[in-house]
Amino acid sequence: MRVKDLAIRLGVNPDTIRFYTRKGFIKPFKNAENGYQDFSLEDEARARFILGARGLGFTVADIEEILAVSDEHHTPCPLVRDLIEQRLKETEERFNEMQRLRDRMRLAVAEWKNLPDSEPKGRSICNLIESFSHCQNGKEKRETSNE
């Protein structure tokens, strides 16, 4: 089957198939009659695996490593377990960062609701952002107390 056919079967853009082909993850054969690349059912299964791994948050580098182990006829399962734990930790960190960002945005919305607009003056660009008391250089201010 050709790139377009495989892409349709997998529900992806043909460029996705081309990308994984360039990476060497799937290896179509060249049709001697017409010079086109043809993909086998094995290529389809391998592409499904890749898409499934991407859907679980594995990176392209992770997948490359997993496929290399598998291609050496060794089980990649211990590697997969280690990698998914790393990806989960990273995802939880990003999730927590996004929650903190959402909280800062909510505070900004509440603080800015009744503030007047102002013209840029001198070094000022937008008084709303510049005066936002809950955010400094993209990080939350830490309150200190002398108790």
N, C-alpha and C. Protein backbone atom coordinates (compact mmCIF):
# COMPACT_ATOMS: atom_id res chain seq x y z
N MET A 1 0.85 -1.18 0.00
CA MET A 1 0.00 0.00 0.00
C MET A 1 0.89 1.23 0.00
N ARG A 2 0.40 2.29 -0.55
CA ARG A 2 1.15 3.53 -0.65
C ARG A 2 0.94 4.40 0.59
N VAL A 3 1.71 5.48 0.66
CA VAL A 3 1.65 6.39 1.80
C VAL A 3 0.22 6.83 2.08
N LYS A 4 -0.47 7.28 1.07
CA LYS A 4 -1.83 7.79 1.24
C LYS A 4 -2.74 6.69 1.80
N ASP A 5 -2.60 5.48 1.28
CA ASP A 5 -3.44 4.37 1.74
C ASP A 5 -3.17 4.05 3.22
N LEU A 6 -1.90 4.01 3.57
CA LEU A 6 -1.54 3.73 4.97
C LEU A 6 -2.05 4.85 5.88
N ALA A 7 -1.90 6.07 5.45
CA ALA A 7 -2.36 7.21 6.25
C ALA A 7 -3.87 7.13 6.48
N ILE A 8 -4.60 6.78 5.45
CA ILE A 8 -6.06 6.65 5.58
C ILE A 8 -6.40 5.53 6.56
N ARG A 9 -5.72 4.41 6.43
CA ARG A 9 -5.98 3.27 7.34
C ARG A 9 -5.72 3.63 8.79
N LEU A 10 -4.73 4.51 9.00
CA LEU A 10 -4.36 4.87 10.37
C LEU A 10 -5.04 6.15 10.85
N GLY A 11 -5.70 6.85 9.94
CA GLY A 11 -6.38 8.09 10.32
C GLY A 11 -5.43 9.23 10.61
N VAL A 12 -4.32 9.27 9.85
CA VAL A 12 -3.34 10.34 10.04
C VAL A 12 -3.05 11.01 8.71
N ASN A 13 -2.32 12.09 8.78
CA ASN A 13 -1.89 12.80 7.60
C ASN A 13 -0.74 12.03 6.93
N PRO A 14 -0.67 11.98 5.62
CA PRO A 14 0.45 11.29 4.96
C PRO A 14 1.82 11.79 5.40
N ASP A 15 1.90 13.07 5.78
CA ASP A 15 3.18 13.60 6.26
C ASP A 15 3.65 12.90 7.53
N THR A 16 2.71 12.44 8.33
CA THR A 16 3.07 11.68 9.53
C THR A 16 3.78 10.39 9.13
N ILE A 17 3.24 9.70 8.15
CA ILE A 17 3.86 8.47 7.66
C ILE A 17 5.23 8.78 7.07
N ARG A 18 5.33 9.83 6.31
CA ARG A 18 6.62 10.22 5.71
C ARG A 18 7.65 10.53 6.79
N PHE A 19 7.22 11.20 7.86
CA PHE A 19 8.13 11.53 8.95
C PHE A 19 8.69 10.26 9.58
N TYR A 20 7.81 9.32 9.91
CA TYR A 20 8.27 8.08 10.53
C TYR A 20 9.12 7.25 9.57
N THR A 21 8.88 7.39 8.29
CA THR A 21 9.72 6.73 7.29
C THR A 21 11.11 7.36 7.28
N ARG A 22 11.17 8.69 7.28
CA ARG A 22 12.47 9.38 7.30
C ARG A 22 13.26 9.03 8.56
N LYS A 23 12.56 8.87 9.68
CA LYS A 23 13.22 8.51 10.94
C LYS A 23 13.71 7.07 10.92
N GLY A 24 13.24 6.28 9.96
CA GLY A 24 13.64 4.88 9.87
C GLY A 24 12.80 3.97 10.74
N PHE A 25 11.70 4.49 11.28
CA PHE A 25 10.83 3.68 12.13
C PHE A 25 10.05 2.66 11.32
N ILE A 26 9.66 3.05 10.14
CA ILE A 26 9.02 2.11 9.21
C ILE A 26 9.83 2.15 7.93
N LYS A 27 9.92 1.00 7.29
CA LYS A 27 10.81 0.88 6.14
C LYS A 27 10.09 0.28 4.95
N PRO A 28 9.45 1.13 4.16
CA PRO A 28 8.75 0.63 2.98
C PRO A 28 9.74 0.08 1.96
N PHE A 29 9.24 -0.73 1.06
CA PHE A 29 10.08 -1.23 -0.01
C PHE A 29 9.73 -0.47 -1.28
N LYS A 30 10.70 -0.38 -2.16
CA LYS A 30 10.49 0.34 -3.41
C LYS A 30 9.92 -0.64 -4.43
N ASN A 31 8.77 -0.28 -4.98
CA ASN A 31 8.12 -1.10 -5.99
C ASN A 31 8.94 -1.01 -7.28
N ALA A 32 9.42 -2.16 -7.74
CA ALA A 32 10.29 -2.21 -8.92
C ALA A 32 9.57 -1.76 -10.19
N GLU A 33 8.26 -1.95 -10.23
CA GLU A 33 7.49 -1.61 -11.43
C GLU A 33 7.29 -0.10 -11.60
N ASN A 34 7.00 0.59 -10.49
CA ASN A 34 6.67 2.00 -10.62
C ASN A 34 7.56 2.93 -9.78
N GLY A 35 8.45 2.38 -8.98
CA GLY A 35 9.36 3.19 -8.18
C GLY A 35 8.75 3.80 -6.93
N TYR A 36 7.45 3.55 -6.70
CA TYR A 36 6.80 4.08 -5.50
C TYR A 36 7.20 3.28 -4.27
N GLN A 37 7.12 3.95 -3.11
CA GLN A 37 7.31 3.23 -1.86
C GLN A 37 6.02 2.53 -1.51
N ASP A 38 6.12 1.27 -1.18
CA ASP A 38 4.97 0.50 -0.75
C ASP A 38 5.19 0.04 0.68
N PHE A 39 4.11 0.06 1.45
CA PHE A 39 4.16 -0.32 2.85
C PHE A 39 3.49 -1.67 3.04
N SER A 40 4.05 -2.47 3.92
CA SER A 40 3.53 -3.80 4.21
C SER A 40 2.59 -3.74 5.42
N LEU A 41 1.95 -4.86 5.70
CA LEU A 41 1.12 -4.94 6.90
C LEU A 41 1.98 -4.82 8.16
N GLU A 42 3.23 -5.26 8.08
CA GLU A 42 4.16 -5.09 9.20
C GLU A 42 4.43 -3.61 9.44
N ASP A 43 4.59 -2.85 8.36
CA ASP A 43 4.77 -1.40 8.49
C ASP A 43 3.55 -0.77 9.15
N GLU A 44 2.38 -1.25 8.75
CA GLU A 44 1.15 -0.72 9.34
C GLU A 44 1.10 -1.01 10.84
N ALA A 45 1.44 -2.24 11.23
CA ALA A 45 1.42 -2.60 12.65
C ALA A 45 2.44 -1.76 13.42
N ARG A 46 3.59 -1.56 12.84
CA ARG A 46 4.63 -0.77 13.49
C ARG A 46 4.19 0.70 13.62
N ALA A 47 3.56 1.23 12.59
CA ALA A 47 3.06 2.60 12.65
C ALA A 47 1.95 2.72 13.70
N ARG A 48 1.10 1.71 13.80
CA ARG A 48 0.06 1.73 14.85
C ARG A 48 0.71 1.75 16.24
N PHE A 49 1.77 0.96 16.40
CA PHE A 49 2.49 0.95 17.66
C PHE A 49 3.03 2.35 17.97
N ILE A 50 3.65 2.97 16.99
CA ILE A 50 4.24 4.31 17.15
C ILE A 50 3.16 5.31 17.55
N LEU A 51 2.04 5.28 16.87
CA LEU A 51 0.95 6.20 17.17
C LEU A 51 0.40 5.95 18.58
N GLY A 52 0.31 4.69 18.96
CA GLY A 52 -0.14 4.36 20.32
C GLY A 52 0.82 4.88 21.37
N ALA A 53 2.11 4.72 21.09
CA ALA A 53 3.12 5.22 22.03
C ALA A 53 3.07 6.74 22.13
N ARG A 54 2.90 7.41 20.99
CA ARG A 54 2.79 8.88 21.01
C ARG A 54 1.56 9.29 21.82
N GLY A 55 0.47 8.52 21.68
CA GLY A 55 -0.75 8.81 22.42
C GLY A 55 -0.59 8.67 23.92
N LEU A 56 0.43 7.91 24.34
CA LEU A 56 0.72 7.75 25.77
C LEU A 56 1.77 8.75 26.26
N GLY A 57 2.22 9.63 25.37
CA GLY A 57 3.16 10.66 25.78
C GLY A 57 4.62 10.33 25.56
N PHE A 58 4.91 9.19 24.92
CA PHE A 58 6.30 8.86 24.63
C PHE A 58 6.81 9.81 23.55
N THR A 59 8.06 10.22 23.69
CA THR A 59 8.66 11.12 22.71
C THR A 59 9.16 10.32 21.52
N VAL A 60 9.50 11.02 20.46
CA VAL A 60 10.07 10.36 19.29
C VAL A 60 11.37 9.66 19.68
N ALA A 61 12.18 10.31 20.52
CA ALA A 61 13.42 9.69 21.00
C ALA A 61 13.14 8.43 21.81
N ASP A 62 12.10 8.47 22.65
CA ASP A 62 11.72 7.29 23.41
C ASP A 62 11.37 6.14 22.47
N ILE A 63 10.58 6.45 21.47
CA ILE A 63 10.12 5.43 20.53
C ILE A 63 11.31 4.85 19.77
N GLU A 64 12.23 5.71 19.40
CA GLU A 64 13.43 5.24 18.70
C GLU A 64 14.18 4.24 19.57
N GLU A 65 14.30 4.54 20.85
CA GLU A 65 14.99 3.65 21.79
C GLU A 65 14.22 2.34 21.97
N ILE A 66 12.92 2.42 22.12
CA ILE A 66 12.08 1.23 22.28
C ILE A 66 12.19 0.33 21.05
N LEU A 67 12.09 0.93 19.87
CA LEU A 67 12.17 0.14 18.64
C LEU A 67 13.55 -0.49 18.47
N ALA A 68 14.59 0.22 18.86
CA ALA A 68 15.94 -0.33 18.75
C ALA A 68 16.09 -1.58 19.62
N VAL A 69 15.58 -1.53 20.83
CA VAL A 69 15.64 -2.70 21.72
C VAL A 69 14.84 -3.85 21.13
N SER A 70 13.64 -3.55 20.66
CA SER A 70 12.79 -4.57 20.07
C SER A 70 13.43 -5.18 18.81
N ASP A 71 14.04 -4.33 17.99
CA ASP A 71 14.66 -4.81 16.76
C ASP A 71 15.85 -5.72 17.05
N GLU A 72 16.42 -5.63 18.25
CA GLU A 72 17.50 -6.54 18.66
C GLU A 72 16.94 -7.82 19.29
N HIS A 73 15.61 -7.96 19.20
CA HIS A 73 14.90 -9.14 19.72
C HIS A 73 15.00 -9.28 21.23
N HIS A 74 15.00 -8.11 21.91
CA HIS A 74 14.95 -8.06 23.36
C HIS A 74 13.63 -7.39 23.74
N THR A 75 13.14 -7.72 24.93
CA THR A 75 11.90 -7.09 25.36
C THR A 75 12.16 -5.64 25.77
N PRO A 76 11.38 -4.72 25.24
CA PRO A 76 11.53 -3.32 25.64
C PRO A 76 10.68 -2.98 26.87
N CYS A 77 9.97 -3.95 27.42
CA CYS A 77 9.02 -3.65 28.50
C CYS A 77 9.66 -2.97 29.72
N PRO A 78 10.83 -3.41 30.22
CA PRO A 78 11.43 -2.69 31.35
C PRO A 78 11.75 -1.23 31.00
N LEU A 79 12.24 -1.02 29.80
CA LEU A 79 12.52 0.34 29.33
C LEU A 79 11.24 1.15 29.26
N VAL A 80 10.19 0.55 28.73
CA VAL A 80 8.90 1.24 28.60
C VAL A 80 8.37 1.65 29.97
N ARG A 81 8.50 0.75 30.95
CA ARG A 81 8.05 1.09 32.31
C ARG A 81 8.82 2.28 32.86
N ASP A 82 10.14 2.28 32.69
CA ASP A 82 10.96 3.39 33.18
C ASP A 82 10.59 4.69 32.47
N LEU A 83 10.45 4.61 31.15
CA LEU A 83 10.14 5.82 30.38
C LEU A 83 8.77 6.39 30.74
N ILE A 84 7.77 5.52 30.92
CA ILE A 84 6.42 6.04 31.22
C ILE A 84 6.42 6.72 32.59
N GLU A 85 7.20 6.21 33.53
CA GLU A 85 7.30 6.87 34.83
C GLU A 85 7.91 8.26 34.68
N GLN A 86 8.95 8.37 33.84
CA GLN A 86 9.57 9.68 33.59
C GLN A 86 8.58 10.62 32.92
N ARG A 87 7.87 10.14 31.91
CA ARG A 87 6.91 10.99 31.19
C ARG A 87 5.77 11.40 32.12
N LEU A 88 5.33 10.50 33.00
CA LEU A 88 4.27 10.84 33.95
C LEU A 88 4.74 11.94 34.89
N LYS A 89 5.95 11.82 35.40
CA LYS A 89 6.50 12.85 36.29
C LYS A 89 6.55 14.20 35.58
N GLU A 90 7.05 14.20 34.35
CA GLU A 90 7.12 15.44 33.58
C GLU A 90 5.73 16.02 33.32
N THR A 91 4.78 15.16 33.02
CA THR A 91 3.41 15.61 32.76
C THR A 91 2.79 16.20 34.01
N GLU A 92 3.02 15.56 35.16
CA GLU A 92 2.49 16.10 36.40
C GLU A 92 3.11 17.45 36.72
N GLU A 93 4.40 17.62 36.46
CA GLU A 93 5.05 18.91 36.69
C GLU A 93 4.44 19.99 35.79
N ARG A 94 4.25 19.67 34.51
CA ARG A 94 3.63 20.63 33.58
C ARG A 94 2.20 20.93 34.00
N PHE A 95 1.48 19.92 34.44
CA PHE A 95 0.10 20.09 34.89
C PHE A 95 0.06 21.05 36.08
N ASN A 96 0.95 20.84 37.03
CA ASN A 96 1.00 21.73 38.20
C ASN A 96 1.37 23.15 37.80
N GLU A 97 2.31 23.28 36.86
CA GLU A 97 2.66 24.62 36.36
C GLU A 97 1.45 25.28 35.71
N MET A 98 0.69 24.52 34.95
CA MET A 98 -0.49 25.08 34.29
C MET A 98 -1.56 25.47 35.31
N GLN A 99 -1.70 24.71 36.37
CA GLN A 99 -2.65 25.09 37.41
C GLN A 99 -2.23 26.39 38.07
N ARG A 100 -0.92 26.54 38.33
CA ARG A 100 -0.44 27.80 38.93
C ARG A 100 -0.67 28.96 37.97
N LEU A 101 -0.43 28.74 36.69
CA LEU A 101 -0.68 29.78 35.69
C LEU A 101 -2.16 30.14 35.66
N ARG A 102 -3.03 29.13 35.67
CA ARG A 102 -4.47 29.39 35.68
C ARG A 102 -4.85 30.23 36.89
N ASP A 103 -4.29 29.91 38.05
CA ASP A 103 -4.59 30.67 39.27
C ASP A 103 -4.13 32.12 39.14
N ARG A 104 -2.92 32.34 38.58
CA ARG A 104 -2.43 33.71 38.38
C ARG A 104 -3.33 34.45 37.41
N MET A 105 -3.77 33.77 36.36
CA MET A 105 -4.65 34.41 35.37
C MET A 105 -5.98 34.79 36.01
N ARG A 106 -6.52 33.94 36.85
CA ARG A 106 -7.78 34.24 37.53
C ARG A 106 -7.62 35.47 38.42
N LEU A 107 -6.48 35.55 39.11
CA LEU A 107 -6.22 36.71 39.95
C LEU A 107 -6.12 37.98 39.11
N ALA A 108 -5.45 37.86 37.98
CA ALA A 108 -5.31 39.02 37.08
C ALA A 108 -6.67 39.47 36.60
N VAL A 109 -7.51 38.54 36.18
CA VAL A 109 -8.86 38.89 35.71
C VAL A 109 -9.61 39.63 36.81
N ALA A 110 -9.54 39.11 38.02
CA ALA A 110 -10.26 39.74 39.14
C ALA A 110 -9.70 41.14 39.45
N GLU A 111 -8.37 41.26 39.47
CA GLU A 111 -7.75 42.55 39.78
C GLU A 111 -7.99 43.58 38.68
N TRP A 112 -7.99 43.16 37.45
CA TRP A 112 -8.06 44.08 36.32
C TRP A 112 -9.49 44.44 35.94
N LYS A 113 -10.44 43.74 36.48
CA LYS A 113 -11.84 43.93 36.07
C LYS A 113 -12.28 45.39 36.13
N ASN A 114 -11.93 46.08 37.18
CA ASN A 114 -12.41 47.45 37.36
C ASN A 114 -11.31 48.50 37.23
N LEU A 115 -10.13 48.10 36.79
CA LEU A 115 -9.05 49.08 36.61
C LEU A 115 -9.24 49.81 35.29
N PRO A 116 -8.91 51.10 35.29
CA PRO A 116 -9.05 51.87 34.04
C PRO A 116 -7.92 51.54 33.06
N ASP A 117 -8.19 51.77 31.80
CA ASP A 117 -7.16 51.66 30.78
C ASP A 117 -6.25 52.87 30.92
N SER A 118 -4.99 52.72 30.51
CA SER A 118 -4.11 53.87 30.55
C SER A 118 -3.22 53.86 29.31
N GLU A 119 -2.81 55.07 28.94
CA GLU A 119 -1.93 55.23 27.77
C GLU A 119 -0.50 54.86 28.18
N PRO A 120 0.26 54.28 27.27
CA PRO A 120 1.67 54.03 27.57
C PRO A 120 2.40 55.36 27.83
N LYS A 121 3.20 55.40 28.89
CA LYS A 121 3.96 56.61 29.24
C LYS A 121 5.37 56.20 29.61
N GLY A 122 6.33 56.92 29.10
CA GLY A 122 7.73 56.65 29.45
C GLY A 122 8.09 55.20 29.15
N ARG A 123 8.45 54.50 30.19
CA ARG A 123 8.81 53.09 30.04
C ARG A 123 7.63 52.16 30.23
N SER A 124 6.50 52.70 30.55
CA SER A 124 5.31 51.89 30.77
C SER A 124 4.69 51.46 29.43
N ILE A 125 4.30 50.22 29.37
CA ILE A 125 3.65 49.69 28.18
C ILE A 125 2.18 49.41 28.48
N CYS A 126 1.94 48.63 29.54
CA CYS A 126 0.57 48.32 29.96
C CYS A 126 0.55 48.22 31.47
N ASN A 127 -0.13 49.17 32.09
CA ASN A 127 -0.15 49.23 33.55
C ASN A 127 -0.76 47.98 34.19
N LEU A 128 -1.60 47.29 33.47
CA LEU A 128 -2.22 46.10 34.05
C LEU A 128 -1.16 45.05 34.38
N ILE A 129 -0.36 44.73 33.40
CA ILE A 129 0.68 43.72 33.61
C ILE A 129 1.75 44.24 34.56
N GLU A 130 2.15 45.48 34.37
CA GLU A 130 3.23 46.03 35.17
C GLU A 130 2.87 46.18 36.64
N SER A 131 1.61 46.34 36.93
CA SER A 131 1.21 46.52 38.33
C SER A 131 0.66 45.26 38.96
N PHE A 132 0.66 44.19 38.22
CA PHE A 132 0.07 42.95 38.76
C PHE A 132 0.87 42.49 39.96
N SER A 133 0.24 42.48 41.10
CA SER A 133 0.94 42.23 42.36
C SER A 133 1.20 40.76 42.66
N HIS A 134 0.61 39.86 41.92
CA HIS A 134 0.77 38.44 42.21
C HIS A 134 1.76 37.74 41.28
N CYS A 135 2.42 38.50 40.47
CA CYS A 135 3.32 37.88 39.51
C CYS A 135 4.53 38.78 39.32
N GLN A 136 5.69 38.18 39.37
CA GLN A 136 6.91 38.96 39.15
C GLN A 136 7.84 38.11 38.29
N ASN A 137 8.16 38.58 37.10
CA ASN A 137 9.03 37.87 36.16
C ASN A 137 8.54 36.46 35.88
N GLY A 138 7.22 36.31 35.76
CA GLY A 138 6.65 35.01 35.43
C GLY A 138 6.55 34.05 36.58
N LYS A 139 7.00 34.46 37.77
CA LYS A 139 6.93 33.58 38.94
C LYS A 139 6.13 34.26 40.02
N GLU A 140 5.47 33.45 40.82
CA GLU A 140 4.68 34.01 41.90
C GLU A 140 5.60 34.66 42.92
N LYS A 141 5.16 35.79 43.46
CA LYS A 141 5.92 36.42 44.53
C LYS A 141 5.82 35.55 45.76
N ARG A 142 6.89 35.47 46.47
CA ARG A 142 6.86 34.72 47.72
C ARG A 142 6.67 35.73 48.84
N GLU A 143 5.68 35.47 49.66
CA GLU A 143 5.43 36.37 50.78
C GLU A 143 6.35 35.98 51.92
N THR A 144 6.95 36.96 52.51
CA THR A 144 7.79 36.70 53.66
C THR A 144 7.20 37.38 54.86
N SER A 145 7.30 36.74 55.96
CA SER A 145 6.79 37.34 57.20
C SER A 145 7.87 37.31 58.26
N ASN A 146 7.81 38.27 59.12
CA ASN A 146 8.78 38.36 60.21
C ASN A 146 8.13 38.01 61.53
N GLU A 147 7.53 36.85 61.59
CA GLU A 147 6.82 36.45 62.81
C GLU A 147 7.77 35.87 63.81
